[in-house]
Amino acid sequence: MEWHEVDRQTGREWEREDGHAVIRLRQTARGDWAVTYDRLEQAGDGSAYERVEVGSEDAALTRVEEFKERTASVEAEP
């Protein structure tokens, strides 16, 4: 499923095309980077929530891609 970046004042956000999942990226007050993955109960693959903090924006963007790929691999399963 496709992901689309959405403009937000509080950080970057990607929404899955079906609207049932969101990935958020923001810098914390300590200077670390927080990435959250939030999938609604209504999603065909069920609800999920995960949050990680990493030390750099590059590492955070890598986690964003990992969350997107994880969703793609779940969709590919029979």
Protein backbone atom coordinates (compact mmCIF):
# COMPACT_ATOMS: atom_id res chain seq x y z
CA MET A 1 0.00 0.00 0.00
CA GLU A 2 1.19 3.49 -0.76
CA TRP A 3 2.19 6.08 1.85
CA HIS A 4 1.74 9.83 1.40
CA GLU A 5 3.58 12.50 3.34
CA VAL A 6 1.30 15.03 5.03
CA ASP A 7 2.39 18.55 6.02
CA ARG A 8 2.30 19.07 9.78
CA GLN A 9 3.70 21.91 11.92
CA THR A 10 4.72 19.50 14.68
CA GLY A 11 6.94 17.27 12.52
CA ARG A 12 6.69 14.98 9.52
CA GLU A 13 3.88 12.51 9.03
CA TRP A 14 3.07 9.77 6.53
CA GLU A 15 -0.44 8.40 6.08
CA ARG A 16 -1.19 5.06 4.48
CA GLU A 17 -3.46 5.40 1.44
CA ASP A 18 -6.34 3.60 3.17
CA GLY A 19 -6.15 6.08 6.07
CA HIS A 20 -5.82 3.29 8.65
CA ALA A 21 -2.17 3.85 9.60
CA VAL A 22 0.10 6.81 10.33
CA ILE A 23 3.84 7.17 10.89
CA ARG A 24 4.99 10.32 12.73
CA LEU A 25 8.50 11.73 13.03
CA ARG A 26 9.41 14.56 15.37
CA GLN A 27 12.36 15.87 17.33
CA THR A 28 12.00 15.54 21.10
CA ALA A 29 12.80 18.24 23.66
CA ARG A 30 16.05 16.39 24.45
CA GLY A 31 17.12 16.54 20.81
CA ASP A 32 16.50 12.87 20.01
CA TRP A 33 14.13 11.79 17.24
CA ALA A 34 10.88 9.96 17.97
CA VAL A 35 9.14 7.78 15.40
CA THR A 36 5.68 6.38 16.05
CA TYR A 37 3.69 3.87 14.05
CA ASP A 38 -0.04 3.84 14.76
CA ARG A 39 -2.50 1.51 13.01
CA LEU A 40 -6.24 1.65 13.70
CA GLU A 41 -8.39 -1.30 14.78
CA GLN A 42 -10.36 -0.90 11.55
CA ALA A 43 -7.28 -1.83 9.51
CA GLY A 44 -7.47 -5.22 7.81
CA ASP A 45 -4.19 -6.18 9.49
CA GLY A 46 -5.44 -5.18 12.97
CA SER A 47 -4.36 -2.48 15.38
CA ALA A 48 -0.76 -1.76 16.33
CA TYR A 49 1.27 0.93 18.04
CA GLU A 50 5.03 1.26 18.31
CA ARG A 51 7.28 4.15 19.35
CA VAL A 52 11.05 4.36 19.16
CA GLU A 53 13.58 7.09 19.91
CA VAL A 54 16.87 7.34 18.05
CA GLY A 55 19.78 9.76 18.16
CA SER A 56 19.74 11.20 14.65
CA GLU A 57 17.31 12.27 11.96
CA ASP A 58 18.91 9.83 9.50
CA ALA A 59 18.34 6.93 11.90
CA ALA A 60 14.74 8.10 12.40
CA LEU A 61 14.12 8.19 8.63
CA THR A 62 15.52 4.67 8.42
CA ARG A 63 12.95 3.58 11.04
CA VAL A 64 10.19 5.28 9.04
CA GLU A 65 11.17 3.19 6.00
CA GLU A 66 11.30 0.03 8.15
CA PHE A 67 7.73 0.65 9.34
CA LYS A 68 6.59 1.16 5.74
CA GLU A 69 8.35 -2.04 4.59
CA ARG A 70 6.88 -4.03 7.50
CA THR A 71 3.39 -3.01 6.34
CA ALA A 72 4.22 -4.05 2.79
CA SER A 73 5.43 -7.48 3.95
CA VAL A 74 2.23 -8.07 5.96
CA GLU A 75 0.15 -7.25 2.87
CA ALA A 76 2.18 -9.70 0.78
CA GLU A 77 1.44 -12.64 3.12
CA PRO A 78 -1.31 -15.00 1.91
